[in-house]
Amino acid sequence: MAVSLVLTLVVGKGEGGKPAVADSSVSPTPSAAAGMVSESPSDTGAPSPSASAPPAGYEVRHDAEGFRIAVPEGWSRSTVDSSYGIAVVSYRSPDREHRLQVYQVAEGSPDASFELYLSDRTPKPDGFQELGLTSLDDVGFTGSRLEYLAGTIGGEPDIGTWHVVDERFVAPDGNIYAIASYGPDSDGRDDELGHLTTAVDWFCPPDTVCDADPGVD
């Protein structure tokens, strides 16, 4: 199936809570102006001041869907068609135990998107446990972040309990995007947040000029 109202299909396919996307990929929220990312994960969703390069161990990707993002070095890319906006793009670690997912949200706001996802209208992955929903609204930035656990994520390996941090935000082009970070809960929760905040800090939507573009492929 393809992503429809951003949130609705998400969980259905096994992304543990993301927009339904043809296969089993789901992801989190858009970031505002692509900027720099700090060496340590921040607890806010707004991008930090621009930097000339992403943190050590990350690389900037200019995705075929038109957006820019920073992901851990060596991660592979795959896509699934979406019925709304850009295709759902997933970046995975070589062992497939960590993933970043990017997609465009159809709802009118990040809050509306999460409201739909958390409602009874949207199926949740097995073992779903909400850990917290946080507003990230600040001057010049509108977004929310959902953190949860899931026993299984469709299309992903059985690694035990998954830890997911899903952020949805209004990007500089006025559209709403989601970037979600997945990983095993058994190894702690800092890595998922670190991958997410770096991705959001460097996110620049399609057809948009953002600060600090190092021009890395």
Protein backbone atom coordinates (compact mmCIF):
# COMPACT_ATOMS: atom_id res chain seq x y z
CA MET A 1 0.00 0.00 0.00
CA ALA A 2 1.12 3.55 -0.30
CA VAL A 3 1.31 6.31 2.19
CA SER A 4 -1.89 8.15 2.36
CA LEU A 5 -2.65 10.49 5.16
CA VAL A 6 0.79 10.44 6.35
CA LEU A 7 0.07 8.89 9.65
CA THR A 8 -2.60 6.49 8.88
CA LEU A 9 -0.78 3.92 6.90
CA VAL A 10 2.38 4.16 8.70
CA VAL A 11 1.98 1.66 11.38
CA GLY A 12 0.02 -0.66 9.35
CA LYS A 13 2.97 -1.77 7.39
CA GLY A 14 5.43 -2.28 10.03
CA GLU A 15 7.26 0.81 10.64
CA GLY A 16 6.11 0.97 14.02
CA GLY A 17 4.21 4.10 13.75
CA LYS A 18 4.96 5.88 10.58
CA PRO A 19 2.94 6.77 7.58
CA ALA A 20 1.85 3.84 5.65
CA VAL A 21 4.16 3.27 2.87
CA ALA A 22 3.97 0.61 0.34
CA ASP A 23 6.36 -1.74 1.94
CA SER A 24 7.25 -1.60 5.47
CA SER A 25 8.81 1.73 5.97
CA VAL A 26 7.68 4.49 8.13
CA SER A 27 9.25 7.63 9.28
CA PRO A 28 9.25 10.86 11.37
CA THR A 29 9.08 14.69 10.86
CA PRO A 30 10.57 17.37 8.76
CA SER A 31 13.10 19.80 9.97
CA ALA A 32 13.38 23.45 9.44
CA ALA A 33 16.23 25.10 7.69
CA ALA A 34 19.00 22.63 7.10
CA GLY A 35 21.67 23.66 9.38
CA MET A 36 24.44 22.41 11.36
CA VAL A 37 24.39 19.65 13.77
CA SER A 38 26.09 19.69 17.12
CA GLU A 39 28.48 17.00 18.27
CA SER A 40 26.03 15.87 20.89
CA PRO A 41 22.31 15.33 20.36
CA SER A 42 20.16 18.23 21.41
CA ASP A 43 16.77 17.81 23.04
CA THR A 44 15.10 20.38 20.84
CA GLY A 45 13.85 19.86 17.33
CA ALA A 46 14.93 23.14 15.82
CA PRO A 47 18.06 23.06 13.72
CA SER A 48 21.21 24.47 15.25
CA PRO A 49 23.42 27.13 13.66
CA SER A 50 24.96 26.03 10.43
CA ALA A 51 28.28 24.22 10.32
CA SER A 52 30.66 23.38 7.52
CA ALA A 53 30.40 19.64 8.03
CA PRO A 54 28.25 17.12 9.91
CA PRO A 55 29.54 15.38 13.06
CA ALA A 56 32.24 12.73 12.76
CA GLY A 57 30.81 9.46 11.45
CA TYR A 58 28.04 11.15 9.43
CA GLU A 59 27.83 12.09 5.77
CA VAL A 60 25.59 14.50 3.90
CA ARG A 61 23.34 12.96 1.26
CA HIS A 62 21.59 14.88 -1.51
CA ASP A 63 18.74 12.45 -1.96
CA ALA A 64 17.16 11.65 -5.32
CA GLU A 65 13.83 12.84 -3.86
CA GLY A 66 15.34 16.32 -3.74
CA PHE A 67 16.05 16.80 -0.04
CA ARG A 68 19.35 17.04 1.82
CA ILE A 69 20.04 15.10 5.01
CA ALA A 70 22.94 13.79 7.10
CA VAL A 71 23.04 10.09 7.97
CA PRO A 72 25.65 7.74 9.46
CA GLU A 73 28.36 6.79 6.98
CA GLY A 74 27.83 3.56 5.06
CA TRP A 75 24.07 3.34 5.47
CA SER A 76 22.09 2.00 2.49
CA ARG A 77 19.06 3.68 0.92
CA SER A 78 15.70 2.31 -0.21
CA THR A 79 12.34 3.83 -1.12
CA VAL A 80 8.66 2.99 -1.15
CA ASP A 81 6.04 4.84 -3.14
CA SER A 82 3.79 7.21 -1.24
CA SER A 83 0.35 8.47 -2.18
CA TYR A 84 1.30 11.90 -0.85
CA GLY A 85 4.35 14.04 -1.52
CA ILE A 86 7.79 12.52 -1.89
CA ALA A 87 8.47 8.80 -1.75
CA VAL A 88 9.17 7.34 1.67
CA VAL A 89 12.95 7.09 1.96
CA SER A 90 14.72 4.79 4.42
CA TYR A 91 18.41 4.73 5.32
CA ARG A 92 19.57 1.58 7.14
CA SER A 93 22.70 0.49 8.93
CA PRO A 94 24.61 -2.47 7.41
CA ASP A 95 23.20 -4.83 10.08
CA ARG A 96 19.68 -3.40 9.49
CA GLU A 97 19.26 -2.79 13.22
CA HIS A 98 19.05 0.99 12.84
CA ARG A 99 17.01 3.02 10.39
CA LEU A 100 16.15 6.61 9.55
CA GLN A 101 12.96 7.17 7.61
CA VAL A 102 11.90 10.36 5.82
CA TYR A 103 8.52 11.16 4.35
CA GLN A 104 6.08 14.00 3.73
CA VAL A 105 3.08 14.44 6.01
CA ALA A 106 -0.40 15.10 4.62
CA GLU A 107 -2.06 16.41 7.77
CA GLY A 108 -2.29 20.15 8.36
CA SER A 109 0.14 20.25 11.29
CA PRO A 110 2.59 18.03 13.20
CA ASP A 111 0.12 17.89 16.11
CA ALA A 112 -2.73 16.81 13.83
CA SER A 113 -0.52 14.11 12.32
CA PHE A 114 0.35 12.63 15.72
CA GLU A 115 -3.23 12.95 16.90
CA LEU A 116 -4.29 10.76 13.99
CA TYR A 117 -1.50 8.26 14.57
CA LEU A 118 -2.23 7.89 18.28
CA SER A 119 -5.98 7.57 17.73
CA ASP A 120 -7.87 4.30 17.49
CA ARG A 121 -8.18 4.89 13.74
CA THR A 122 -4.51 4.04 13.19
CA PRO A 123 -3.26 0.49 13.93
CA LYS A 124 -0.15 0.28 16.07
CA PRO A 125 2.73 -2.20 15.87
CA ASP A 126 2.69 -5.16 18.25
CA GLY A 127 3.98 -4.18 21.65
CA PHE A 128 3.41 -0.46 21.08
CA GLN A 129 4.14 1.61 24.20
CA GLU A 130 4.10 5.39 24.10
CA LEU A 131 6.97 6.95 26.04
CA GLY A 132 6.14 10.58 25.43
CA LEU A 133 4.89 13.21 23.00
CA THR A 134 6.72 16.54 23.17
CA SER A 135 6.00 19.86 21.50
CA LEU A 136 9.12 21.38 19.95
CA ASP A 137 7.49 24.66 18.95
CA ASP A 138 9.90 27.54 19.24
CA VAL A 139 10.64 30.81 17.50
CA GLY A 140 10.81 29.99 13.80
CA PHE A 141 10.19 26.27 14.29
CA THR A 142 7.00 24.21 14.54
CA GLY A 143 7.23 20.51 15.34
CA SER A 144 6.47 17.65 17.71
CA ARG A 145 8.34 14.50 18.68
CA LEU A 146 6.87 11.12 19.64
CA GLU A 147 8.97 8.50 21.41
CA TYR A 148 7.74 4.92 21.73
CA LEU A 149 8.65 1.24 21.94
CA ALA A 150 7.48 -1.53 19.61
CA GLY A 151 7.88 -5.28 19.75
CA THR A 152 8.02 -5.62 15.97
CA ILE A 153 8.49 -3.35 12.98
CA GLY A 154 7.13 -4.66 9.70
CA GLY A 155 9.82 -5.66 7.23
CA GLU A 156 12.61 -5.26 9.80
CA PRO A 157 14.60 -7.95 11.64
CA ASP A 158 13.54 -9.38 14.99
CA ILE A 159 15.89 -7.60 17.38
CA GLY A 160 13.66 -7.62 20.43
CA THR A 161 12.07 -4.34 21.47
CA TRP A 162 12.48 -1.43 19.07
CA HIS A 163 13.01 2.14 20.30
CA VAL A 164 11.57 4.78 17.97
CA VAL A 165 11.88 8.57 18.00
CA ASP A 166 9.60 10.20 15.43
CA GLU A 167 9.71 13.94 14.71
CA ARG A 168 7.28 15.81 12.47
CA PHE A 169 7.86 19.43 11.60
CA VAL A 170 7.18 22.32 9.27
CA ALA A 171 10.13 22.76 6.91
CA PRO A 172 11.31 25.98 5.20
CA ASP A 173 9.21 25.15 2.11
CA GLY A 174 6.05 25.25 4.24
CA ASN A 175 5.43 21.51 3.94
CA ILE A 176 5.35 19.08 6.85
CA TYR A 177 7.86 16.23 6.93
CA ALA A 178 8.61 13.39 9.29
CA ILE A 179 11.95 11.89 10.18
CA ALA A 180 11.92 8.81 12.36
CA SER A 181 14.83 7.00 13.95
CA TYR A 182 14.66 3.28 14.81
CA GLY A 183 16.98 1.02 16.76
CA PRO A 184 17.13 -1.73 19.41
CA ASP A 185 16.08 -0.60 22.88
CA SER A 186 18.60 -3.03 24.35
CA ASP A 187 21.61 -0.84 23.49
CA GLY A 188 20.27 2.34 25.09
CA ARG A 189 18.26 5.20 23.62
CA ASP A 190 20.83 7.89 22.97
CA ASP A 191 21.83 6.65 19.51
CA GLU A 192 18.31 6.93 18.07
CA LEU A 193 18.03 10.50 19.35
CA GLY A 194 21.49 11.35 18.04
CA HIS A 195 20.71 10.02 14.56
CA LEU A 196 17.42 11.91 14.55
CA THR A 197 18.72 15.28 15.67
CA THR A 198 21.60 15.15 13.21
CA ALA A 199 19.23 14.26 10.37
CA VAL A 200 16.83 17.05 11.30
CA ASP A 201 19.60 19.62 11.71
CA TRP A 202 20.84 18.90 8.18
CA PHE A 203 17.46 18.42 6.51
CA CYS A 204 16.71 20.77 3.63
CA PRO A 205 13.49 20.13 1.65
CA PRO A 206 13.33 19.81 -2.15
CA ASP A 207 13.69 22.95 -4.26
CA THR A 208 14.78 25.01 -1.27
CA VAL A 209 17.97 26.95 -0.59
CA CYS A 210 19.17 26.32 2.98
CA ASP A 211 22.11 27.51 5.03
CA ALA A 212 25.45 25.77 4.95
CA ASP A 213 25.32 23.36 2.07
CA PRO A 214 28.74 21.69 1.96
CA GLY A 215 27.94 20.13 -1.39
CA VAL A 216 28.69 16.61 -0.28
CA ASP A 217 27.02 13.84 -2.28
